[in-house]
């Protein structure tokens, strides 16, 4: 079993409503030094594969087909919990 972690974020230049709302709220709470805030998600996946390269290939396919929206998101795959 290989455990991989996928981090998915919005592409640069696209609006991030959650980030904008969080930034405003942080400023309202007195955290005036906060600049841009962006939200994303992290997905931990265990894959039964012969080696890490094969596991990464499977996870990449999962991202392209379901987990990430290639129109508005980037994703990065890394090893580990």
Protein backbone atom coordinates (compact mmCIF):
# COMPACT_ATOMS: atom_id res chain seq x y z
CA UNK A 1 0.00 0.00 0.00
CA UNK A 2 1.26 3.46 -0.90
CA UNK A 3 -0.13 6.52 0.85
CA UNK A 4 -0.20 9.70 -1.18
CA UNK A 5 -1.48 13.17 -0.45
CA UNK A 6 -3.11 15.42 -3.04
CA UNK A 7 -3.27 19.17 -2.45
CA UNK A 8 -5.81 20.96 -4.63
CA UNK A 9 -5.88 24.75 -4.97
CA UNK A 10 -7.53 27.29 -7.25
CA UNK A 11 -5.59 28.60 -10.21
CA UNK A 12 -4.05 32.06 -9.92
CA UNK A 13 -6.31 34.91 -10.89
CA UNK A 14 -9.58 33.14 -10.14
CA UNK A 15 -11.84 34.39 -7.40
CA UNK A 16 -11.84 32.49 -4.13
CA UNK A 17 -15.05 33.45 -2.29
CA UNK A 18 -14.09 31.49 0.85
CA UNK A 19 -10.69 33.16 0.95
CA UNK A 20 -12.19 36.63 0.47
CA UNK A 21 -14.70 36.04 3.27
CA UNK A 22 -12.02 34.67 5.61
CA UNK A 23 -9.71 37.62 4.85
CA UNK A 24 -12.48 40.12 5.67
CA UNK A 25 -13.33 38.27 8.89
CA UNK A 26 -9.68 38.15 9.94
CA UNK A 27 -9.36 41.92 9.36
CA UNK A 28 -12.56 42.47 11.37
CA UNK A 29 -10.99 40.46 14.20
CA UNK A 30 -7.97 42.76 14.22
CA UNK A 31 -5.55 40.73 12.10
CA UNK A 32 -4.79 43.69 9.84
CA UNK A 33 -1.52 42.29 8.51
CA UNK A 34 -3.25 39.49 6.62
CA UNK A 35 -2.93 39.65 2.83
CA UNK A 36 -4.51 37.22 0.43
CA UNK A 37 -6.22 34.13 1.84
CA UNK A 38 -6.98 31.12 -0.30
CA UNK A 39 -8.70 27.86 0.45
CA UNK A 40 -7.95 24.45 -0.94
CA UNK A 41 -8.26 20.88 0.13
CA UNK A 42 -6.00 17.98 0.96
CA UNK A 43 -6.95 14.40 0.16
CA UNK A 44 -5.08 11.40 1.61
CA UNK A 45 -5.32 8.30 -0.58
CA UNK A 46 -4.00 4.78 -0.02
CA UNK A 47 -3.30 2.94 -3.27
CA UNK A 48 -2.45 -0.70 -3.76
CA UNK A 49 0.25 -0.55 -6.45
CA UNK A 50 3.49 -2.32 -7.28
CA UNK A 51 5.61 0.79 -6.60
CA UNK A 52 5.29 4.49 -5.86
CA UNK A 53 5.47 5.50 -9.51
CA UNK A 54 2.49 3.29 -10.33
CA UNK A 55 0.61 4.65 -7.31
CA UNK A 56 1.30 8.24 -8.42
CA UNK A 57 0.05 7.41 -11.92
CA UNK A 58 -3.20 6.05 -10.50
CA UNK A 59 -3.69 9.09 -8.27
CA UNK A 60 -2.91 11.42 -11.17
CA UNK A 61 -5.62 9.67 -13.20
CA UNK A 62 -8.03 10.03 -10.26
CA UNK A 63 -7.32 13.76 -10.08
CA UNK A 64 -7.81 14.30 -13.81
CA UNK A 65 -11.03 12.28 -13.90
CA UNK A 66 -12.73 13.20 -10.62
CA UNK A 67 -10.90 14.83 -7.74
CA UNK A 68 -9.80 18.14 -9.32
CA UNK A 69 -11.49 20.47 -11.78
CA UNK A 70 -8.75 21.21 -14.35
CA UNK A 71 -10.53 24.36 -15.51
CA UNK A 72 -10.19 26.16 -12.17
CA UNK A 73 -7.81 24.06 -10.03
CA UNK A 74 -4.23 22.86 -9.80
CA UNK A 75 -3.22 19.74 -7.91
CA UNK A 76 0.04 18.48 -6.46
CA UNK A 77 0.74 14.87 -5.45
CA UNK A 78 3.24 13.99 -2.72
CA UNK A 79 4.18 10.94 -0.68
CA UNK A 80 3.32 10.36 2.92
CA UNK A 81 0.56 10.71 5.43
